[in-house]
N, C-alpha and C. Protein backbone atom coordinates (compact mmCIF):
# COMPACT_ATOMS: atom_id res chain seq x y z
N MET A 1 -60.83 41.15 40.54
CA MET A 1 -59.41 40.87 40.66
C MET A 1 -59.24 39.46 41.23
N PRO A 2 -58.44 38.61 40.59
CA PRO A 2 -58.27 37.24 41.08
C PRO A 2 -57.52 37.22 42.41
N GLY A 3 -57.74 36.14 43.18
CA GLY A 3 -57.07 35.98 44.47
C GLY A 3 -55.59 35.68 44.29
N PRO A 4 -54.89 35.51 45.40
CA PRO A 4 -53.45 35.24 45.34
C PRO A 4 -53.17 33.90 44.65
N ARG A 5 -52.06 33.87 43.95
CA ARG A 5 -51.67 32.64 43.25
C ARG A 5 -50.37 32.14 43.84
N VAL A 6 -50.33 30.86 44.06
CA VAL A 6 -49.15 30.20 44.61
C VAL A 6 -48.50 29.41 43.47
N ALA A 7 -47.24 29.71 43.19
CA ALA A 7 -46.54 29.02 42.09
C ALA A 7 -46.18 27.60 42.46
N GLY A 8 -45.82 27.38 43.72
CA GLY A 8 -45.40 26.04 44.10
C GLY A 8 -45.28 25.86 45.59
N ILE A 9 -45.11 24.61 45.96
CA ILE A 9 -44.97 24.20 47.36
C ILE A 9 -43.63 23.50 47.50
N THR A 10 -42.90 23.84 48.56
CA THR A 10 -41.63 23.19 48.83
C THR A 10 -41.46 23.06 50.34
N ILE A 11 -40.36 22.49 50.76
CA ILE A 11 -40.04 22.35 52.17
C ILE A 11 -39.19 23.53 52.59
N GLY A 12 -39.45 24.06 53.76
CA GLY A 12 -38.60 25.08 54.36
C GLY A 12 -38.28 24.67 55.78
N GLN A 13 -37.01 24.73 56.15
CA GLN A 13 -36.60 24.38 57.52
C GLN A 13 -36.26 25.67 58.25
N ASP A 14 -37.07 26.01 59.23
CA ASP A 14 -36.95 27.27 59.96
C ASP A 14 -36.02 27.08 61.17
N LEU A 15 -34.73 27.23 60.96
CA LEU A 15 -33.74 27.04 62.02
C LEU A 15 -33.57 28.31 62.85
N SER A 16 -33.29 28.12 64.13
CA SER A 16 -33.02 29.24 65.03
C SER A 16 -31.77 28.95 65.84
N GLU A 17 -30.96 29.97 66.07
CA GLU A 17 -29.80 29.85 66.94
C GLU A 17 -30.27 30.31 68.32
N ARG A 18 -30.51 29.34 69.21
CA ARG A 18 -31.20 29.62 70.47
C ARG A 18 -30.42 30.54 71.41
N THR A 19 -29.09 30.49 71.42
CA THR A 19 -28.33 31.40 72.29
C THR A 19 -28.56 32.83 71.85
N MET A 20 -28.46 33.09 70.55
CA MET A 20 -28.72 34.43 70.02
C MET A 20 -30.17 34.84 70.27
N GLN A 21 -31.07 33.89 70.15
CA GLN A 21 -32.49 34.20 70.31
C GLN A 21 -32.80 34.72 71.71
N SER A 22 -32.08 34.22 72.72
CA SER A 22 -32.38 34.64 74.09
C SER A 22 -31.48 35.77 74.58
N THR A 23 -30.65 36.35 73.69
CA THR A 23 -29.76 37.45 74.06
C THR A 23 -30.51 38.78 74.05
N GLY A 24 -30.21 39.61 75.02
CA GLY A 24 -30.78 40.95 75.05
C GLY A 24 -31.97 41.06 75.97
N PRO A 25 -32.47 42.26 76.10
CA PRO A 25 -33.62 42.47 76.98
C PRO A 25 -34.92 41.91 76.39
N ALA A 26 -34.94 41.68 75.07
CA ALA A 26 -36.11 41.10 74.40
C ALA A 26 -35.62 39.97 73.50
N PRO A 27 -36.43 38.94 73.27
CA PRO A 27 -36.02 37.84 72.40
C PRO A 27 -35.65 38.34 71.00
N GLN A 28 -34.65 37.72 70.42
CA GLN A 28 -34.15 38.09 69.09
C GLN A 28 -34.60 37.07 68.05
N TYR A 29 -35.90 36.94 67.84
CA TYR A 29 -36.43 35.90 66.96
C TYR A 29 -35.91 36.02 65.53
N SER A 30 -35.99 37.18 64.93
CA SER A 30 -35.55 37.34 63.54
C SER A 30 -34.05 37.21 63.40
N LEU A 31 -33.30 37.85 64.28
CA LEU A 31 -31.84 37.79 64.22
C LEU A 31 -31.35 36.35 64.38
N ALA A 32 -32.00 35.57 65.23
CA ALA A 32 -31.60 34.19 65.48
C ALA A 32 -31.84 33.28 64.28
N LYS A 33 -32.60 33.74 63.31
CA LYS A 33 -32.89 32.97 62.10
C LYS A 33 -32.09 33.46 60.90
N SER A 34 -31.16 34.37 61.13
CA SER A 34 -30.50 35.08 60.03
C SER A 34 -29.06 34.66 59.77
N PHE A 35 -28.63 33.54 60.32
CA PHE A 35 -27.26 33.09 60.10
C PHE A 35 -27.13 32.44 58.72
N PRO A 36 -25.91 32.46 58.14
CA PRO A 36 -25.71 31.81 56.84
C PRO A 36 -26.13 30.34 56.90
N GLY A 37 -26.85 29.90 55.90
CA GLY A 37 -27.30 28.51 55.82
C GLY A 37 -28.60 28.23 56.54
N PHE A 38 -29.11 29.20 57.29
CA PHE A 38 -30.38 29.01 57.99
C PHE A 38 -31.52 29.24 56.99
N GLY A 39 -32.65 28.57 57.20
CA GLY A 39 -33.80 28.73 56.30
C GLY A 39 -33.66 27.99 54.98
N PRO A 40 -33.02 26.80 54.97
CA PRO A 40 -32.91 26.10 53.69
C PRO A 40 -34.28 25.69 53.15
N ALA A 41 -34.40 25.62 51.83
CA ALA A 41 -35.65 25.23 51.19
C ALA A 41 -35.34 24.28 50.04
N GLY A 42 -36.26 23.38 49.77
CA GLY A 42 -36.07 22.44 48.67
C GLY A 42 -36.65 21.09 49.02
N PRO A 43 -36.33 20.05 48.38
CA PRO A 43 -35.42 19.96 47.24
C PRO A 43 -36.07 20.29 45.91
N LEU A 44 -37.41 20.36 45.90
CA LEU A 44 -38.15 20.63 44.67
C LEU A 44 -39.21 21.70 44.92
N LEU A 45 -39.66 22.31 43.87
CA LEU A 45 -40.83 23.18 43.91
C LEU A 45 -41.91 22.44 43.13
N VAL A 46 -42.99 22.07 43.82
CA VAL A 46 -44.06 21.27 43.23
C VAL A 46 -45.28 22.16 43.06
N THR A 47 -45.87 22.16 41.88
CA THR A 47 -47.04 23.00 41.66
C THR A 47 -48.24 22.45 42.43
N PRO A 48 -49.10 23.34 42.93
CA PRO A 48 -50.24 22.90 43.75
C PRO A 48 -51.13 21.88 43.06
N ASP A 49 -51.25 21.95 41.73
CA ASP A 49 -52.13 21.01 41.02
C ASP A 49 -51.60 19.58 41.02
N GLU A 50 -50.36 19.37 41.46
CA GLU A 50 -49.80 18.03 41.53
C GLU A 50 -50.22 17.28 42.80
N PHE A 51 -50.90 17.96 43.71
CA PHE A 51 -51.37 17.36 44.95
C PHE A 51 -52.87 17.09 44.84
N GLU A 52 -53.29 15.97 45.42
CA GLU A 52 -54.73 15.70 45.48
C GLU A 52 -55.43 16.81 46.24
N ASP A 53 -54.83 17.23 47.38
CA ASP A 53 -55.35 18.33 48.17
C ASP A 53 -54.16 19.13 48.70
N PRO A 54 -53.81 20.25 48.07
CA PRO A 54 -52.63 21.02 48.51
C PRO A 54 -52.79 21.63 49.90
N ASP A 55 -53.99 21.56 50.47
CA ASP A 55 -54.20 22.07 51.82
C ASP A 55 -54.16 20.94 52.86
N SER A 56 -53.74 19.75 52.42
CA SER A 56 -53.63 18.62 53.35
C SER A 56 -52.42 17.76 52.95
N ILE A 57 -51.25 18.18 53.43
CA ILE A 57 -49.99 17.49 53.10
C ILE A 57 -49.26 17.17 54.40
N GLU A 58 -48.87 15.91 54.58
CA GLU A 58 -48.10 15.53 55.78
C GLU A 58 -46.69 16.09 55.68
N LEU A 59 -46.19 16.56 56.82
CA LEU A 59 -44.83 17.07 56.87
C LEU A 59 -44.27 16.86 58.28
N GLY A 60 -42.95 16.88 58.39
CA GLY A 60 -42.33 16.72 59.69
C GLY A 60 -40.83 16.65 59.60
N CYS A 61 -40.20 16.27 60.71
CA CYS A 61 -38.76 16.11 60.70
C CYS A 61 -38.32 15.10 61.76
N ALA A 62 -37.11 14.60 61.57
CA ALA A 62 -36.51 13.64 62.48
C ALA A 62 -35.09 14.09 62.79
N ILE A 63 -34.66 13.78 64.00
CA ILE A 63 -33.28 14.02 64.42
C ILE A 63 -32.66 12.65 64.67
N ASN A 64 -31.61 12.35 63.93
CA ASN A 64 -30.91 11.06 64.08
C ASN A 64 -31.87 9.89 64.00
N GLY A 65 -32.85 9.97 63.10
CA GLY A 65 -33.79 8.89 62.87
C GLY A 65 -35.02 8.90 63.76
N GLU A 66 -35.07 9.75 64.78
CA GLU A 66 -36.23 9.83 65.67
C GLU A 66 -37.16 10.94 65.20
N VAL A 67 -38.40 10.59 64.88
CA VAL A 67 -39.37 11.61 64.46
C VAL A 67 -39.68 12.51 65.65
N VAL A 68 -39.45 13.80 65.48
CA VAL A 68 -39.67 14.78 66.55
C VAL A 68 -40.77 15.78 66.22
N GLN A 69 -41.09 15.91 64.95
CA GLN A 69 -42.17 16.79 64.53
C GLN A 69 -42.95 16.09 63.43
N LYS A 70 -44.26 16.14 63.53
CA LYS A 70 -45.11 15.56 62.49
C LYS A 70 -46.43 16.32 62.51
N GLY A 71 -46.87 16.71 61.34
CA GLY A 71 -48.12 17.45 61.25
C GLY A 71 -48.67 17.40 59.85
N ASN A 72 -49.63 18.27 59.59
CA ASN A 72 -50.27 18.34 58.29
C ASN A 72 -50.57 19.80 57.99
N THR A 73 -50.46 20.16 56.74
CA THR A 73 -50.72 21.55 56.38
C THR A 73 -52.16 21.95 56.69
N SER A 74 -53.05 20.98 56.83
CA SER A 74 -54.44 21.29 57.18
C SER A 74 -54.55 21.81 58.62
N ASP A 75 -53.49 21.65 59.42
CA ASP A 75 -53.49 22.12 60.80
C ASP A 75 -53.03 23.57 60.95
N ARG A 76 -52.70 24.25 59.85
CA ARG A 76 -52.26 25.65 59.95
C ARG A 76 -53.32 26.49 60.64
N VAL A 77 -52.87 27.50 61.36
CA VAL A 77 -53.79 28.42 62.03
C VAL A 77 -54.57 29.22 61.00
N PHE A 78 -53.89 29.68 59.94
CA PHE A 78 -54.53 30.46 58.88
C PHE A 78 -54.35 29.74 57.55
N PRO A 79 -55.36 29.75 56.68
CA PRO A 79 -55.20 29.18 55.34
C PRO A 79 -54.26 30.07 54.50
N VAL A 80 -53.67 29.49 53.48
CA VAL A 80 -52.69 30.20 52.66
C VAL A 80 -53.21 31.53 52.12
N PRO A 81 -54.42 31.61 51.56
CA PRO A 81 -54.88 32.92 51.06
C PRO A 81 -54.90 33.99 52.16
N GLU A 82 -55.24 33.60 53.39
CA GLU A 82 -55.26 34.58 54.48
C GLU A 82 -53.84 34.98 54.88
N ILE A 83 -52.92 34.03 54.86
CA ILE A 83 -51.52 34.35 55.15
C ILE A 83 -51.01 35.38 54.15
N ILE A 84 -51.29 35.15 52.87
CA ILE A 84 -50.86 36.07 51.82
C ILE A 84 -51.52 37.44 52.01
N ALA A 85 -52.82 37.45 52.31
CA ALA A 85 -53.53 38.72 52.51
C ALA A 85 -52.94 39.50 53.69
N ARG A 86 -52.66 38.81 54.79
CA ARG A 86 -52.10 39.49 55.97
C ARG A 86 -50.72 40.06 55.67
N LEU A 87 -49.88 39.26 55.00
CA LEU A 87 -48.54 39.76 54.63
C LEU A 87 -48.63 40.94 53.68
N SER A 88 -49.57 40.89 52.75
CA SER A 88 -49.72 41.95 51.76
C SER A 88 -50.10 43.28 52.38
N LYS A 89 -50.66 43.25 53.58
CA LYS A 89 -51.02 44.50 54.26
C LYS A 89 -49.80 45.21 54.84
N VAL A 90 -48.70 44.49 55.05
CA VAL A 90 -47.52 45.11 55.65
C VAL A 90 -46.31 45.15 54.71
N MET A 91 -46.38 44.44 53.60
CA MET A 91 -45.26 44.46 52.66
C MET A 91 -45.74 44.11 51.26
N GLN A 92 -44.99 44.55 50.28
CA GLN A 92 -45.31 44.21 48.90
C GLN A 92 -44.70 42.86 48.58
N LEU A 93 -45.52 41.95 48.07
CA LEU A 93 -45.03 40.62 47.67
C LEU A 93 -44.76 40.61 46.18
N PHE A 94 -43.71 39.88 45.80
CA PHE A 94 -43.29 39.80 44.40
C PHE A 94 -43.26 38.34 43.96
N PRO A 95 -43.39 38.08 42.66
CA PRO A 95 -43.23 36.71 42.17
C PRO A 95 -41.87 36.16 42.62
N GLY A 96 -41.89 34.95 43.13
CA GLY A 96 -40.66 34.32 43.61
C GLY A 96 -40.45 34.44 45.11
N ASP A 97 -41.23 35.29 45.78
CA ASP A 97 -41.13 35.38 47.24
C ASP A 97 -41.49 34.03 47.86
N VAL A 98 -40.81 33.70 48.93
CA VAL A 98 -41.05 32.46 49.66
C VAL A 98 -41.69 32.82 51.00
N ILE A 99 -42.75 32.10 51.34
CA ILE A 99 -43.44 32.33 52.61
C ILE A 99 -43.43 31.03 53.40
N PHE A 100 -42.84 31.07 54.59
CA PHE A 100 -42.91 29.93 55.49
C PHE A 100 -44.26 30.02 56.20
N THR A 101 -45.03 28.92 56.19
CA THR A 101 -46.41 28.99 56.68
C THR A 101 -46.63 28.37 58.06
N GLY A 102 -45.61 27.87 58.70
CA GLY A 102 -45.80 27.34 60.05
C GLY A 102 -44.94 26.13 60.34
N THR A 103 -44.99 25.71 61.59
CA THR A 103 -44.16 24.62 62.09
C THR A 103 -45.06 23.55 62.70
N PRO A 104 -44.85 22.29 62.36
CA PRO A 104 -45.66 21.24 62.98
C PRO A 104 -45.33 21.08 64.46
N PRO A 105 -46.23 20.46 65.22
CA PRO A 105 -45.98 20.25 66.65
C PRO A 105 -44.68 19.49 66.89
N GLY A 106 -44.04 19.81 68.02
CA GLY A 106 -42.85 19.07 68.43
C GLY A 106 -41.57 19.87 68.43
N VAL A 107 -41.63 21.18 68.18
CA VAL A 107 -40.43 22.01 68.15
C VAL A 107 -39.69 21.88 69.48
N GLY A 108 -38.35 21.85 69.42
CA GLY A 108 -37.51 21.55 70.57
C GLY A 108 -37.70 22.43 71.79
N VAL A 109 -37.90 23.73 71.60
CA VAL A 109 -38.04 24.64 72.73
C VAL A 109 -39.35 24.38 73.49
N GLY A 110 -40.34 23.80 72.83
CA GLY A 110 -41.62 23.53 73.45
C GLY A 110 -41.75 22.14 74.04
N ARG A 111 -40.70 21.32 73.90
CA ARG A 111 -40.73 19.95 74.43
C ARG A 111 -40.38 19.94 75.91
N VAL A 112 -40.82 18.90 76.61
CA VAL A 112 -40.45 18.71 78.01
C VAL A 112 -39.84 17.32 78.12
N PRO A 113 -38.52 17.23 78.37
CA PRO A 113 -37.59 18.35 78.47
C PRO A 113 -37.32 18.94 77.08
N GLN A 114 -36.82 20.17 77.07
CA GLN A 114 -36.48 20.81 75.80
C GLN A 114 -35.40 20.00 75.08
N ARG A 115 -35.44 20.06 73.76
CA ARG A 115 -34.46 19.33 72.96
C ARG A 115 -33.96 20.26 71.86
N PHE A 116 -32.63 20.37 71.76
CA PHE A 116 -32.04 21.25 70.76
C PHE A 116 -31.07 20.47 69.89
N LEU A 117 -30.87 20.96 68.68
CA LEU A 117 -29.91 20.33 67.77
C LEU A 117 -28.50 20.53 68.32
N ALA A 118 -27.64 19.53 68.06
CA ALA A 118 -26.26 19.57 68.53
C ALA A 118 -25.34 19.19 67.38
N PRO A 119 -24.06 19.58 67.46
CA PRO A 119 -23.11 19.19 66.42
C PRO A 119 -23.15 17.67 66.23
N GLY A 120 -23.17 17.26 64.97
CA GLY A 120 -23.20 15.85 64.62
C GLY A 120 -24.60 15.31 64.39
N ASP A 121 -25.64 16.02 64.84
CA ASP A 121 -27.01 15.57 64.61
C ASP A 121 -27.33 15.65 63.12
N GLU A 122 -28.12 14.68 62.65
CA GLU A 122 -28.65 14.75 61.29
C GLU A 122 -30.12 15.11 61.38
N LEU A 123 -30.49 16.19 60.73
CA LEU A 123 -31.86 16.67 60.69
C LEU A 123 -32.44 16.34 59.31
N VAL A 124 -33.50 15.55 59.31
CA VAL A 124 -34.18 15.21 58.06
C VAL A 124 -35.56 15.85 58.11
N THR A 125 -35.84 16.68 57.12
CA THR A 125 -37.12 17.38 57.02
C THR A 125 -37.83 16.85 55.79
N TYR A 126 -39.11 16.50 55.93
CA TYR A 126 -39.82 15.90 54.79
C TYR A 126 -41.20 16.52 54.61
N MET A 127 -41.70 16.37 53.39
CA MET A 127 -43.07 16.75 53.06
C MET A 127 -43.52 15.76 51.99
N ARG A 128 -44.61 15.05 52.26
CA ARG A 128 -45.13 14.06 51.30
C ARG A 128 -45.45 14.76 49.98
N GLY A 129 -44.96 14.17 48.89
CA GLY A 129 -45.18 14.74 47.57
C GLY A 129 -44.12 15.73 47.14
N VAL A 130 -43.24 16.12 48.06
CA VAL A 130 -42.15 17.05 47.74
C VAL A 130 -40.80 16.36 47.88
N GLY A 131 -40.62 15.61 48.96
CA GLY A 131 -39.35 14.93 49.18
C GLY A 131 -38.82 15.23 50.56
N GLU A 132 -37.49 15.19 50.69
CA GLU A 132 -36.87 15.46 51.98
C GLU A 132 -35.56 16.19 51.80
N MET A 133 -35.16 16.88 52.86
CA MET A 133 -33.85 17.52 52.94
C MET A 133 -33.11 16.90 54.11
N ARG A 134 -31.80 16.73 53.97
CA ARG A 134 -30.96 16.20 55.05
C ARG A 134 -29.87 17.22 55.36
N HIS A 135 -29.73 17.52 56.65
CA HIS A 135 -28.71 18.48 57.07
C HIS A 135 -27.95 17.91 58.26
N SER A 136 -26.65 18.02 58.19
CA SER A 136 -25.79 17.60 59.30
C SER A 136 -25.38 18.86 60.08
N MET A 137 -25.66 18.86 61.38
CA MET A 137 -25.39 20.03 62.21
C MET A 137 -23.91 20.12 62.53
N GLN A 138 -23.40 21.33 62.49
CA GLN A 138 -21.99 21.61 62.79
C GLN A 138 -21.92 22.71 63.84
N ALA A 139 -20.87 22.67 64.65
CA ALA A 139 -20.66 23.73 65.63
C ALA A 139 -20.31 25.02 64.90
N SER A 140 -20.72 26.15 65.46
CA SER A 140 -20.36 27.43 64.85
C SER A 140 -18.88 27.68 65.07
N SER A 141 -18.31 28.42 64.13
CA SER A 141 -16.86 28.68 64.24
C SER A 141 -16.56 30.03 64.81
C-alpha cells in the first residue's frame, strides 16, 4: 500500500482569540481558533514537485512590517508522513482535508514581553514558493 500523498502546499495562518483561549478552568485552545475568518489559507496551492525540496521551505510572518516569526519546514517536530499517520489513527482523512503542520518560532504568547495582534495591525504571512497573505486586524463586534 503506498504511503500518504500530499496534493499541495499552501500557507495557513493559525489565529487564536487569546481572551477566549484563557477563559474557563482549562485553556480553550480549539474554541479560541474557531471564530469566523480564523484559519485563513492561501493564496495558492502548490504541488510538492514544484519545490526543490518540499521539506525545506522558508516561512514566517510580519506585523506592521516587523518580522516576528521566521522558520523553515525542515524544523518541524514531525515529518509530514508521520503527521498524517498520527492523525489517521484518530480520524479518517479525506481528499481535500487541510492539515496545519506547525508554527515557526516567535509566536506572540511565547515572546518576552508577550505581543498580541491589535486592531489596525497588518499581518503578512509568507511562504517561499507559495506567496503571501495580508490581513488587517479588526476589533470584534
